């Protein structure tokens, strides 16, 4: 596996998926109007979400791929889960399905240093 840092030092790329931190998250939401997507289970989502999340598709759900394929591939997506593992897999799948701008939030909601809210 090859990892490299971008010029800004805020993102690392692995297998076609770019892992980002909070600073890069904030930039993408502001500058690219990124869609924030939570791929945790409904029970996890009920505990709280990252403020600004608008898409909720359970990575473990039987219809995950079908729901993802209904999304607009031209948009920018930031994907997160509890720790970053499921969202990395989800981001990789999205990348493989033709989504050009998909970012994985490194550390998931557990590592999140920003605002959270209830859905």
Protein backbone atom coordinates (compact mmCIF):
# COMPACT_ATOMS: atom_id res chain seq x y z
CA UNK A 1 0.00 0.00 0.00
CA UNK A 2 1.34 3.41 -0.98
CA UNK A 3 0.56 6.44 1.14
CA UNK A 4 1.49 9.98 0.26
CA UNK A 5 0.69 13.39 1.64
CA UNK A 6 -0.71 16.18 -0.44
CA UNK A 7 1.10 19.50 -0.74
CA UNK A 8 -1.06 20.94 2.04
CA UNK A 9 -0.22 18.04 4.34
CA UNK A 10 -3.92 17.64 5.21
CA UNK A 11 -4.76 14.53 3.23
CA UNK A 12 -3.35 11.09 2.59
CA UNK A 13 -4.30 8.90 -0.34
CA UNK A 14 -4.55 5.13 -0.19
CA UNK A 15 -5.93 2.88 -2.93
CA UNK A 16 -7.80 5.65 -4.72
CA UNK A 17 -9.35 7.01 -1.53
CA UNK A 18 -8.20 10.23 0.07
CA UNK A 19 -8.25 10.32 3.87
CA UNK A 20 -8.81 13.79 5.27
CA UNK A 21 -8.65 15.58 8.62
CA UNK A 22 -10.96 18.26 10.03
CA UNK A 23 -9.19 21.17 8.32
CA UNK A 24 -9.57 19.54 4.91
CA UNK A 25 -13.17 18.56 5.80
CA UNK A 26 -13.98 22.21 6.54
CA UNK A 27 -12.35 23.35 3.29
CA UNK A 28 -14.20 20.81 1.15
CA UNK A 29 -17.57 21.63 2.72
CA UNK A 30 -17.01 25.34 2.20
CA UNK A 31 -15.28 25.46 -1.18
CA UNK A 32 -16.71 22.41 -2.95
CA UNK A 33 -20.09 22.18 -1.19
CA UNK A 34 -19.23 18.58 -0.29
CA UNK A 35 -22.02 16.22 0.73
CA UNK A 36 -21.33 14.74 4.17
CA UNK A 37 -22.38 11.08 4.26
CA UNK A 38 -22.73 8.94 7.40
CA UNK A 39 -22.43 5.20 6.74
CA UNK A 40 -23.06 4.02 10.31
CA UNK A 41 -26.01 1.93 11.46
CA UNK A 42 -29.30 3.65 12.35
CA UNK A 43 -28.60 2.95 16.05
CA UNK A 44 -25.21 4.69 15.81
CA UNK A 45 -26.74 7.62 13.92
CA UNK A 46 -29.33 8.06 16.68
CA UNK A 47 -26.48 8.72 19.13
CA UNK A 48 -25.42 11.83 17.21
CA UNK A 49 -24.07 12.96 13.85
CA UNK A 50 -21.49 15.36 12.51
CA UNK A 51 -23.22 18.67 11.99
CA UNK A 52 -23.93 19.12 8.29
CA UNK A 53 -24.36 15.42 7.45
CA UNK A 54 -27.18 15.01 4.93
CA UNK A 55 -26.83 11.47 3.56
CA UNK A 56 -27.33 8.44 5.79
CA UNK A 57 -26.69 5.06 4.15
CA UNK A 58 -25.86 2.10 6.39
CA UNK A 59 -22.71 0.45 5.00
CA UNK A 60 -23.83 -2.85 6.53
CA UNK A 61 -27.29 -2.58 4.97
CA UNK A 62 -28.21 -5.02 2.20
CA UNK A 63 -29.11 -2.12 -0.11
CA UNK A 64 -25.98 -0.02 0.46
CA UNK A 65 -24.64 -0.31 -3.08
CA UNK A 66 -28.06 0.33 -4.64
CA UNK A 67 -28.53 3.50 -2.58
CA UNK A 68 -25.02 4.72 -3.37
CA UNK A 69 -25.57 4.20 -7.09
CA UNK A 70 -28.62 6.50 -6.89
CA UNK A 71 -26.36 9.39 -5.76
CA UNK A 72 -25.07 12.11 -8.09
CA UNK A 73 -21.56 11.06 -9.17
CA UNK A 74 -20.63 14.64 -10.08
CA UNK A 75 -20.78 15.82 -6.46
CA UNK A 76 -18.03 15.76 -3.84
CA UNK A 77 -18.60 13.35 -0.92
CA UNK A 78 -17.05 13.15 2.53
CA UNK A 79 -17.81 9.77 4.07
CA UNK A 80 -17.54 8.92 7.76
CA UNK A 81 -18.43 6.14 10.19
CA UNK A 82 -17.54 5.45 13.82
CA UNK A 83 -13.77 4.94 13.46
CA UNK A 84 -13.01 5.33 9.76
CA UNK A 85 -12.83 1.69 8.67
CA UNK A 86 -16.32 1.24 7.19
CA UNK A 87 -16.17 4.68 5.61
CA UNK A 88 -12.81 3.80 4.01
CA UNK A 89 -14.41 0.69 2.50
CA UNK A 90 -17.48 2.69 1.43
CA UNK A 91 -15.27 5.38 -0.12
CA UNK A 92 -13.27 2.77 -1.99
CA UNK A 93 -16.44 1.16 -3.35
CA UNK A 94 -17.75 4.58 -4.44
CA UNK A 95 -14.44 5.35 -6.14
CA UNK A 96 -14.56 2.00 -7.94
CA UNK A 97 -18.14 2.77 -9.09
CA UNK A 98 -17.09 6.00 -10.76
CA UNK A 99 -17.38 8.65 -8.05
CA UNK A 100 -14.43 10.95 -8.74
CA UNK A 101 -14.46 13.08 -5.59
CA UNK A 102 -14.81 10.86 -2.51
CA UNK A 103 -13.02 11.55 0.76
CA UNK A 104 -12.83 9.45 3.91
CA UNK A 105 -12.85 11.27 7.25
CA UNK A 106 -9.82 9.88 9.06
CA UNK A 107 -10.74 8.56 12.52
CA UNK A 108 -14.49 8.80 11.90
CA UNK A 109 -16.81 10.44 14.39
CA UNK A 110 -14.71 9.08 17.28
CA UNK A 111 -11.82 11.27 16.16
CA UNK A 112 -13.98 14.21 15.19
CA UNK A 113 -13.00 17.51 16.82
CA UNK A 114 -15.94 19.52 15.47
CA UNK A 115 -19.59 20.04 16.23
CA UNK A 116 -22.05 17.18 16.50
CA UNK A 117 -25.81 17.21 16.73
CA UNK A 118 -28.79 14.87 16.93
CA UNK A 119 -30.55 13.93 13.73
